Full PDB file with SEQRES, HELIX, SHEET, SSBOND, CRYST1, ORIGX, SCALE, CONECT and MASTER records, all heavy atoms in Angstrom:
SEQRES   1 A   31  GLU ALA ILE GLN GLN ILE ARG ALA ARG ASN PRO ASP THR          
SEQRES   2 A   31  HIS ILE ILE ALA ILE SER ALA GLY MET GLY ASN MET PRO          
SEQRES   3 A   31  ALA ASP ASP VAL VAL                                          
HELIX    1 AA1 ALA A    2  ARG A    9  1                                   8    
HELIX    2 AA2 ALA A   27  VAL A   30  1                                   4    
CRYST1    1.000    1.000    1.000  90.00  90.00  90.00 P 1           1          
ORIGX1      1.000000  0.000000  0.000000        0.00000                         
ORIGX2      0.000000  1.000000  0.000000        0.00000                         
ORIGX3      0.000000  0.000000  1.000000        0.00000                         
SCALE1      1.000000  0.000000  0.000000        0.00000                         
SCALE2      0.000000  1.000000  0.000000        0.00000                         
SCALE3      0.000000  0.000000  1.000000        0.00000                         
ATOM      1  N   GLU A   1       0.834  -1.210   0.000  1.00  0.00           N  
ATOM      2  CA  GLU A   1       0.000   0.000   0.000  1.00  0.00           C  
ATOM      3  C   GLU A   1       0.868   1.259   0.000  1.00  0.00           C  
ATOM      4  O   GLU A   1       0.577   2.225  -0.700  1.00  0.00           O  
ATOM      5  CB  GLU A   1      -0.935   0.009   1.207  1.00  0.00           C  
ATOM      6  CG  GLU A   1      -1.873   1.205   1.202  1.00  0.00           C  
ATOM      7  CD  GLU A   1      -2.830   1.222   2.381  1.00  0.00           C  
ATOM      8  OE1 GLU A   1      -2.948   0.201   3.096  1.00  0.00           O  
ATOM      9  OE2 GLU A   1      -3.464   2.265   2.582  1.00  0.00           O  
ATOM     10  N   ALA A   2       1.947   1.234   0.771  1.00  0.00           N  
ATOM     11  CA  ALA A   2       2.833   2.403   0.815  1.00  0.00           C  
ATOM     12  C   ALA A   2       3.460   2.668  -0.557  1.00  0.00           C  
ATOM     13  O   ALA A   2       3.540   3.827  -0.989  1.00  0.00           O  
ATOM     14  CB  ALA A   2       3.923   2.198   1.868  1.00  0.00           C  
ATOM     15  N   ILE A   3       3.890   1.623  -1.242  1.00  0.00           N  
ATOM     16  CA  ILE A   3       4.473   1.793  -2.576  1.00  0.00           C  
ATOM     17  C   ILE A   3       3.449   2.424  -3.514  1.00  0.00           C  
ATOM     18  O   ILE A   3       3.774   3.356  -4.260  1.00  0.00           O  
ATOM     19  CB  ILE A   3       4.986   0.443  -3.131  1.00  0.00           C  
ATOM     20  CG1 ILE A   3       6.225  -0.007  -2.355  1.00  0.00           C  
ATOM     21  CG2 ILE A   3       5.300   0.554  -4.635  1.00  0.00           C  
ATOM     22  CD1 ILE A   3       6.636  -1.447  -2.615  1.00  0.00           C  
ATOM     23  N   GLN A   4       2.219   1.946  -3.461  1.00  0.00           N  
ATOM     24  CA  GLN A   4       1.185   2.512  -4.324  1.00  0.00           C  
ATOM     25  C   GLN A   4       0.948   3.994  -4.015  1.00  0.00           C  
ATOM     26  O   GLN A   4       0.829   4.812  -4.920  1.00  0.00           O  
ATOM     27  CB  GLN A   4      -0.119   1.722  -4.164  1.00  0.00           C  
ATOM     28  CG  GLN A   4      -0.020   0.332  -4.746  1.00  0.00           C  
ATOM     29  CD  GLN A   4      -1.223  -0.530  -4.416  1.00  0.00           C  
ATOM     30  OE1 GLN A   4      -1.771  -0.484  -3.319  1.00  0.00           O  
ATOM     31  NE2 GLN A   4      -1.639  -1.332  -5.389  1.00  0.00           N  
ATOM     32  N   GLN A   5       0.919   4.347  -2.746  1.00  0.00           N  
ATOM     33  CA  GLN A   5       0.693   5.746  -2.367  1.00  0.00           C  
ATOM     34  C   GLN A   5       1.893   6.627  -2.726  1.00  0.00           C  
ATOM     35  O   GLN A   5       1.724   7.754  -3.172  1.00  0.00           O  
ATOM     36  CB  GLN A   5       0.355   5.859  -0.890  1.00  0.00           C  
ATOM     37  CG  GLN A   5      -1.024   5.320  -0.588  1.00  0.00           C  
ATOM     38  CD  GLN A   5      -1.518   5.725   0.781  1.00  0.00           C  
ATOM     39  OE1 GLN A   5      -1.173   6.779   1.297  1.00  0.00           O  
ATOM     40  NE2 GLN A   5      -2.340   4.876   1.376  1.00  0.00           N  
ATOM     41  N   ILE A   6       3.097   6.107  -2.529  1.00  0.00           N  
ATOM     42  CA  ILE A   6       4.296   6.873  -2.894  1.00  0.00           C  
ATOM     43  C   ILE A   6       4.299   7.125  -4.395  1.00  0.00           C  
ATOM     44  O   ILE A   6       4.572   8.233  -4.857  1.00  0.00           O  
ATOM     45  CB  ILE A   6       5.577   6.142  -2.441  1.00  0.00           C  
ATOM     46  CG1 ILE A   6       5.676   6.142  -0.913  1.00  0.00           C  
ATOM     47  CG2 ILE A   6       6.822   6.779  -3.072  1.00  0.00           C  
ATOM     48  CD1 ILE A   6       6.682   5.156  -0.360  1.00  0.00           C  
ATOM     49  N   ARG A   7       3.991   6.108  -5.179  1.00  0.00           N  
ATOM     50  CA  ARG A   7       3.945   6.259  -6.641  1.00  0.00           C  
ATOM     51  C   ARG A   7       2.922   7.321  -7.043  1.00  0.00           C  
ATOM     52  O   ARG A   7       3.155   8.103  -7.950  1.00  0.00           O  
ATOM     53  CB  ARG A   7       3.577   4.932  -7.312  1.00  0.00           C  
ATOM     54  CG  ARG A   7       4.729   4.032  -7.502  1.00  0.00           C  
ATOM     55  CD  ARG A   7       5.632   4.533  -8.630  1.00  0.00           C  
ATOM     56  NE  ARG A   7       6.872   3.807  -8.591  1.00  0.00           N  
ATOM     57  CZ  ARG A   7       8.041   4.320  -8.238  1.00  0.00           C  
ATOM     58  NH1 ARG A   7       8.151   5.574  -7.922  1.00  0.00           N  
ATOM     59  NH2 ARG A   7       9.123   3.586  -8.233  1.00  0.00           N  
ATOM     60  N   ALA A   8       1.773   7.343  -6.365  1.00  0.00           N  
ATOM     61  CA  ALA A   8       0.733   8.325  -6.691  1.00  0.00           C  
ATOM     62  C   ALA A   8       1.162   9.737  -6.310  1.00  0.00           C  
ATOM     63  O   ALA A   8       0.850  10.704  -7.009  1.00  0.00           O  
ATOM     64  CB  ALA A   8      -0.567   7.962  -5.975  1.00  0.00           C  
ATOM     65  N   ARG A   9       1.913   9.882  -5.229  1.00  0.00           N  
ATOM     66  CA  ARG A   9       2.298  11.202  -4.716  1.00  0.00           C  
ATOM     67  C   ARG A   9       3.569  11.744  -5.354  1.00  0.00           C  
ATOM     68  O   ARG A   9       3.723  12.945  -5.521  1.00  0.00           O  
ATOM     69  CB  ARG A   9       2.478  11.142  -3.200  1.00  0.00           C  
ATOM     70  CG  ARG A   9       1.193  10.844  -2.484  1.00  0.00           C  
ATOM     71  CD  ARG A   9       1.433  10.611  -1.014  1.00  0.00           C  
ATOM     72  NE  ARG A   9       0.181  10.209  -0.377  1.00  0.00           N  
ATOM     73  CZ  ARG A   9      -0.083  10.422   0.891  1.00  0.00           C  
ATOM     74  NH1 ARG A   9       0.797  11.033   1.666  1.00  0.00           N  
ATOM     75  NH2 ARG A   9      -1.226  10.034   1.388  1.00  0.00           N  
ATOM     76  N   ASN A  10       4.514  10.850  -5.626  1.00  0.00           N  
ATOM     77  CA  ASN A  10       5.776  11.289  -6.200  1.00  0.00           C  
ATOM     78  C   ASN A  10       6.333  10.167  -7.073  1.00  0.00           C  
ATOM     79  O   ASN A  10       7.125   9.346  -6.613  1.00  0.00           O  
ATOM     80  CB  ASN A  10       6.783  11.674  -5.111  1.00  0.00           C  
ATOM     81  CG  ASN A  10       8.013  12.324  -5.691  1.00  0.00           C  
ATOM     82  OD1 ASN A  10       8.329  12.154  -6.863  1.00  0.00           O  
ATOM     83  ND2 ASN A  10       8.730  13.068  -4.880  1.00  0.00           N  
ATOM     84  N   PRO A  11       5.931  10.144  -8.336  1.00  0.00           N  
ATOM     85  CA  PRO A  11       6.347   9.034  -9.206  1.00  0.00           C  
ATOM     86  C   PRO A  11       7.846   8.991  -9.495  1.00  0.00           C  
ATOM     87  O   PRO A  11       8.338   7.976  -9.973  1.00  0.00           O  
ATOM     88  CB  PRO A  11       5.553   9.272 -10.492  1.00  0.00           C  
ATOM     89  CG  PRO A  11       5.022  10.643 -10.408  1.00  0.00           C  
ATOM     90  CD  PRO A  11       5.017  11.063  -8.983  1.00  0.00           C  
ATOM     91  N   ASP A  12       8.580  10.036  -9.175  1.00  0.00           N  
ATOM     92  CA  ASP A  12      10.018  10.054  -9.448  1.00  0.00           C  
ATOM     93  C   ASP A  12      10.855   9.407  -8.350  1.00  0.00           C  
ATOM     94  O   ASP A  12      12.047   9.175  -8.529  1.00  0.00           O  
ATOM     95  CB  ASP A  12      10.498  11.492  -9.664  1.00  0.00           C  
ATOM     96  CG  ASP A  12       9.880  12.114 -10.902  1.00  0.00           C  
ATOM     97  OD1 ASP A  12       9.574  11.361 -11.855  1.00  0.00           O  
ATOM     98  OD2 ASP A  12       9.695  13.343 -10.917  1.00  0.00           O  
ATOM     99  N   THR A  13      10.247   9.138  -7.202  1.00  0.00           N  
ATOM    100  CA  THR A  13      10.992   8.501  -6.116  1.00  0.00           C  
ATOM    101  C   THR A  13      11.292   7.059  -6.499  1.00  0.00           C  
ATOM    102  O   THR A  13      10.425   6.334  -6.971  1.00  0.00           O  
ATOM    103  CB  THR A  13      10.171   8.519  -4.809  1.00  0.00           C  
ATOM    104  OG1 THR A  13       9.929   9.879  -4.439  1.00  0.00           O  
ATOM    105  CG2 THR A  13      10.914   7.831  -3.683  1.00  0.00           C  
ATOM    106  N   HIS A  14      12.520   6.647  -6.303  1.00  0.00           N  
ATOM    107  CA  HIS A  14      12.920   5.268  -6.595  1.00  0.00           C  
ATOM    108  C   HIS A  14      12.644   4.407  -5.368  1.00  0.00           C  
ATOM    109  O   HIS A  14      12.975   4.790  -4.245  1.00  0.00           O  
ATOM    110  CB  HIS A  14      14.397   5.202  -6.965  1.00  0.00           C  
ATOM    111  CG  HIS A  14      14.707   5.964  -8.203  1.00  0.00           C  
ATOM    112  ND1 HIS A  14      14.330   5.544  -9.459  1.00  0.00           N  
ATOM    113  CD2 HIS A  14      15.351   7.141  -8.386  1.00  0.00           C  
ATOM    114  CE1 HIS A  14      14.720   6.411 -10.355  1.00  0.00           C  
ATOM    115  NE2 HIS A  14      15.342   7.394  -9.728  1.00  0.00           N  
ATOM    116  N   ILE A  15      12.047   3.256  -5.596  1.00  0.00           N  
ATOM    117  CA  ILE A  15      11.661   2.376  -4.501  1.00  0.00           C  
ATOM    118  C   ILE A  15      12.294   1.006  -4.700  1.00  0.00           C  
ATOM    119  O   ILE A  15      12.189   0.411  -5.774  1.00  0.00           O  
ATOM    120  CB  ILE A  15      10.129   2.217  -4.427  1.00  0.00           C  
ATOM    121  CG1 ILE A  15       9.459   3.592  -4.266  1.00  0.00           C  
ATOM    122  CG2 ILE A  15       9.745   1.274  -3.283  1.00  0.00           C  
ATOM    123  CD1 ILE A  15       7.961   3.551  -4.451  1.00  0.00           C  
ATOM    124  N   ILE A  16      12.930   0.515  -3.640  1.00  0.00           N  
ATOM    125  CA  ILE A  16      13.479  -0.833  -3.625  1.00  0.00           C  
ATOM    126  C   ILE A  16      12.730  -1.597  -2.541  1.00  0.00           C  
ATOM    127  O   ILE A  16      12.771  -1.228  -1.363  1.00  0.00           O  
ATOM    128  CB  ILE A  16      14.992  -0.831  -3.343  1.00  0.00           C  
ATOM    129  CG1 ILE A  16      15.738  -0.079  -4.445  1.00  0.00           C  
ATOM    130  CG2 ILE A  16      15.511  -2.267  -3.207  1.00  0.00           C  
ATOM    131  CD1 ILE A  16      17.222   0.108  -4.187  1.00  0.00           C  
ATOM    132  N   ALA A  17      12.005  -2.639  -2.932  1.00  0.00           N  
ATOM    133  CA  ALA A  17      11.231  -3.454  -2.001  1.00  0.00           C  
ATOM    134  C   ALA A  17      12.102  -4.574  -1.452  1.00  0.00           C  
ATOM    135  O   ALA A  17      12.926  -5.136  -2.179  1.00  0.00           O  
ATOM    136  CB  ALA A  17      10.014  -4.043  -2.710  1.00  0.00           C  
ATOM    137  N   ILE A  18      11.903  -4.876  -0.165  1.00  0.00           N  
ATOM    138  CA  ILE A  18      12.616  -5.988   0.465  1.00  0.00           C  
ATOM    139  C   ILE A  18      11.611  -6.818   1.264  1.00  0.00           C  
ATOM    140  O   ILE A  18      10.630  -6.286   1.777  1.00  0.00           O  
ATOM    141  CB  ILE A  18      13.775  -5.516   1.366  1.00  0.00           C  
ATOM    142  CG1 ILE A  18      13.287  -4.579   2.469  1.00  0.00           C  
ATOM    143  CG2 ILE A  18      14.859  -4.849   0.530  1.00  0.00           C  
ATOM    144  CD1 ILE A  18      14.353  -4.165   3.473  1.00  0.00           C  
ATOM    145  N   SER A  19      11.845  -8.123   1.348  1.00  0.00           N  
ATOM    146  CA  SER A  19      10.930  -8.972   2.101  1.00  0.00           C  
ATOM    147  C   SER A  19      11.572 -10.314   2.436  1.00  0.00           C  
ATOM    148  O   SER A  19      12.373 -10.835   1.671  1.00  0.00           O  
ATOM    149  CB  SER A  19       9.646  -9.223   1.301  1.00  0.00           C  
ATOM    150  OG  SER A  19       8.748 -10.009   2.070  1.00  0.00           O  
ATOM    151  N   ALA A  20      11.149 -10.839   3.573  1.00  0.00           N  
ATOM    152  CA  ALA A  20      11.532 -12.196   3.960  1.00  0.00           C  
ATOM    153  C   ALA A  20      10.400 -13.171   3.660  1.00  0.00           C  
ATOM    154  O   ALA A  20      10.493 -14.349   3.962  1.00  0.00           O  
ATOM    155  CB  ALA A  20      11.877 -12.239   5.448  1.00  0.00           C  
ATOM    156  N   GLY A  21       9.318 -12.645   3.063  1.00  0.00           N  
ATOM    157  CA  GLY A  21       8.147 -13.481   2.816  1.00  0.00           C  
ATOM    158  C   GLY A  21       7.315 -13.578   4.074  1.00  0.00           C  
ATOM    159  O   GLY A  21       7.622 -12.979   5.096  1.00  0.00           O  
ATOM    160  N   MET A  22       6.218 -14.322   3.970  1.00  0.00           N  
ATOM    161  CA  MET A  22       5.369 -14.502   5.150  1.00  0.00           C  
ATOM    162  C   MET A  22       4.528 -15.755   4.962  1.00  0.00           C  
ATOM    163  O   MET A  22       3.920 -15.942   3.905  1.00  0.00           O  
ATOM    164  CB  MET A  22       4.465 -13.302   5.362  1.00  0.00           C  
ATOM    165  CG  MET A  22       3.567 -13.444   6.575  1.00  0.00           C  
ATOM    166  SD  MET A  22       2.614 -11.981   6.929  1.00  0.00           S  
ATOM    167  CE  MET A  22       3.787 -11.096   7.927  1.00  0.00           C  
ATOM    168  N   GLY A  23       4.521 -16.595   5.976  1.00  0.00           N  
ATOM    169  CA  GLY A  23       3.726 -17.815   5.909  1.00  0.00           C  
ATOM    170  C   GLY A  23       4.096 -18.642   4.697  1.00  0.00           C  
ATOM    171  O   GLY A  23       5.253 -19.002   4.504  1.00  0.00           O  
ATOM    172  N   ASN A  24       3.112 -18.906   3.850  1.00  0.00           N  
ATOM    173  CA  ASN A  24       3.345 -19.700   2.645  1.00  0.00           C  
ATOM    174  C   ASN A  24       3.790 -18.877   1.452  1.00  0.00           C  
ATOM    175  O   ASN A  24       3.934 -19.417   0.356  1.00  0.00           O  
ATOM    176  CB  ASN A  24       2.065 -20.476   2.274  1.00  0.00           C  
ATOM    177  CG  ASN A  24       1.754 -21.559   3.281  1.00  0.00           C  
ATOM    178  OD1 ASN A  24       2.640 -22.066   3.949  1.00  0.00           O  
ATOM    179  ND2 ASN A  24       0.489 -21.908   3.407  1.00  0.00           N  
ATOM    180  N   MET A  25       3.972 -17.568   1.631  1.00  0.00           N  
ATOM    181  CA  MET A  25       4.401 -16.699   0.529  1.00  0.00           C  
ATOM    182  C   MET A  25       5.913 -16.552   0.541  1.00  0.00           C  
ATOM    183  O   MET A  25       6.462 -15.895   1.425  1.00  0.00           O  
ATOM    184  CB  MET A  25       3.765 -15.316   0.653  1.00  0.00           C  
ATOM    185  CG  MET A  25       2.423 -15.218   0.011  1.00  0.00           C  
ATOM    186  SD  MET A  25       1.937 -13.497  -0.179  1.00  0.00           S  
ATOM    187  CE  MET A  25       1.297 -13.176   1.430  1.00  0.00           C  
ATOM    188  N   PRO A  26       6.600 -17.151  -0.417  1.00  0.00           N  
ATOM    189  CA  PRO A  26       8.054 -17.005  -0.475  1.00  0.00           C  
ATOM    190  C   PRO A  26       8.456 -15.552  -0.767  1.00  0.00           C  
ATOM    191  O   PRO A  26       7.745 -14.824  -1.471  1.00  0.00           O  
ATOM    192  CB  PRO A  26       8.468 -17.920  -1.629  1.00  0.00           C  
ATOM    193  CG  PRO A  26       7.282 -18.772  -1.937  1.00  0.00           C  
ATOM    194  CD  PRO A  26       6.084 -18.038  -1.461  1.00  0.00           C  
ATOM    195  N   ALA A  27       9.589 -15.165  -0.238  1.00  0.00           N  
ATOM    196  CA  ALA A  27      10.078 -13.798  -0.416  1.00  0.00           C  
ATOM    197  C   ALA A  27      10.194 -13.405  -1.881  1.00  0.00           C  
ATOM    198  O   ALA A  27       9.862 -12.278  -2.259  1.00  0.00           O  
ATOM    199  CB  ALA A  27      11.423 -13.637   0.290  1.00  0.00           C  
ATOM    200  N   ASP A  28      10.646 -14.312  -2.720  1.00  0.00           N  
ATOM    201  CA  ASP A  28      10.801 -13.981  -4.142  1.00  0.00           C  
ATOM    202  C   ASP A  28       9.466 -13.611  -4.781  1.00  0.00           C  
ATOM    203  O   ASP A  28       9.394 -12.692  -5.595  1.00  0.00           O  
ATOM    204  CB  ASP A  28      11.453 -15.137  -4.903  1.00  0.00           C  
ATOM    205  CG  ASP A  28      12.916 -15.324  -4.551  1.00  0.00           C  
ATOM    206  OD1 ASP A  28      13.561 -14.337  -4.144  1.00  0.00           O  
ATOM    207  OD2 ASP A  28      13.417 -16.455  -4.688  1.00  0.00           O  
ATOM    208  N   ASP A  29       8.408 -14.300  -4.400  1.00  0.00           N  
ATOM    209  CA  ASP A  29       7.083 -13.977  -4.928  1.00  0.00           C  
ATOM    210  C   ASP A  29       6.623 -12.607  -4.441  1.00  0.00           C  
ATOM    211  O   ASP A  29       6.009 -11.843  -5.179  1.00  0.00           O  
ATOM    212  CB  ASP A  29       6.053 -15.035  -4.522  1.00  0.00           C  
ATOM    213  CG  ASP A  29       6.275 -16.373  -5.219  1.00  0.00           C  
ATOM    214  OD1 ASP A  29       7.065 -16.424  -6.199  1.00  0.00           O  
ATOM    215  OD2 ASP A  29       5.664 -17.365  -4.784  1.00  0.00           O  
ATOM    216  N   VAL A  30       6.908 -12.313  -3.187  1.00  0.00           N  
ATOM    217  CA  VAL A  30       6.500 -11.036  -2.604  1.00  0.00           C  
ATOM    218  C   VAL A  30       7.203  -9.874  -3.301  1.00  0.00           C  
ATOM    219  O   VAL A  30       6.565  -8.890  -3.682  1.00  0.00           O  
ATOM    220  CB  VAL A  30       6.785 -11.007  -1.082  1.00  0.00           C  
ATOM    221  CG1 VAL A  30       6.528  -9.626  -0.499  1.00  0.00           C  
ATOM    222  CG2 VAL A  30       5.957 -12.068  -0.365  1.00  0.00           C  
ATOM    223  N   VAL A  31       8.510  -9.984  -3.507  1.00  0.00           N  
ATOM    224  CA  VAL A  31       9.223  -8.865  -4.143  1.00  0.00           C  
ATOM    225  C   VAL A  31       8.838  -8.738  -5.616  1.00  0.00           C  
ATOM    226  O   VAL A  31       8.776  -7.620  -6.140  1.00  0.00           O  
ATOM    227  CB  VAL A  31      10.760  -8.930  -3.948  1.00  0.00           C  
ATOM    228  CG1 VAL A  31      11.117  -8.774  -2.473  1.00  0.00           C  
ATOM    229  CG2 VAL A  31      11.368 -10.186  -4.495  1.00  0.00           C  
TER     230      VAL A  31                                                      
MASTER        0    0    0    2    0    0    0    6  229    1    0    3          
END                                                                             
């Protein structure tokens, strides 16, 4: 949700997502 809001407010900001995953969702799928 934060990425979506940041993109809407300032599309020039560069975003790098990081994750360890959660439950049955592997980190690679999340990123």
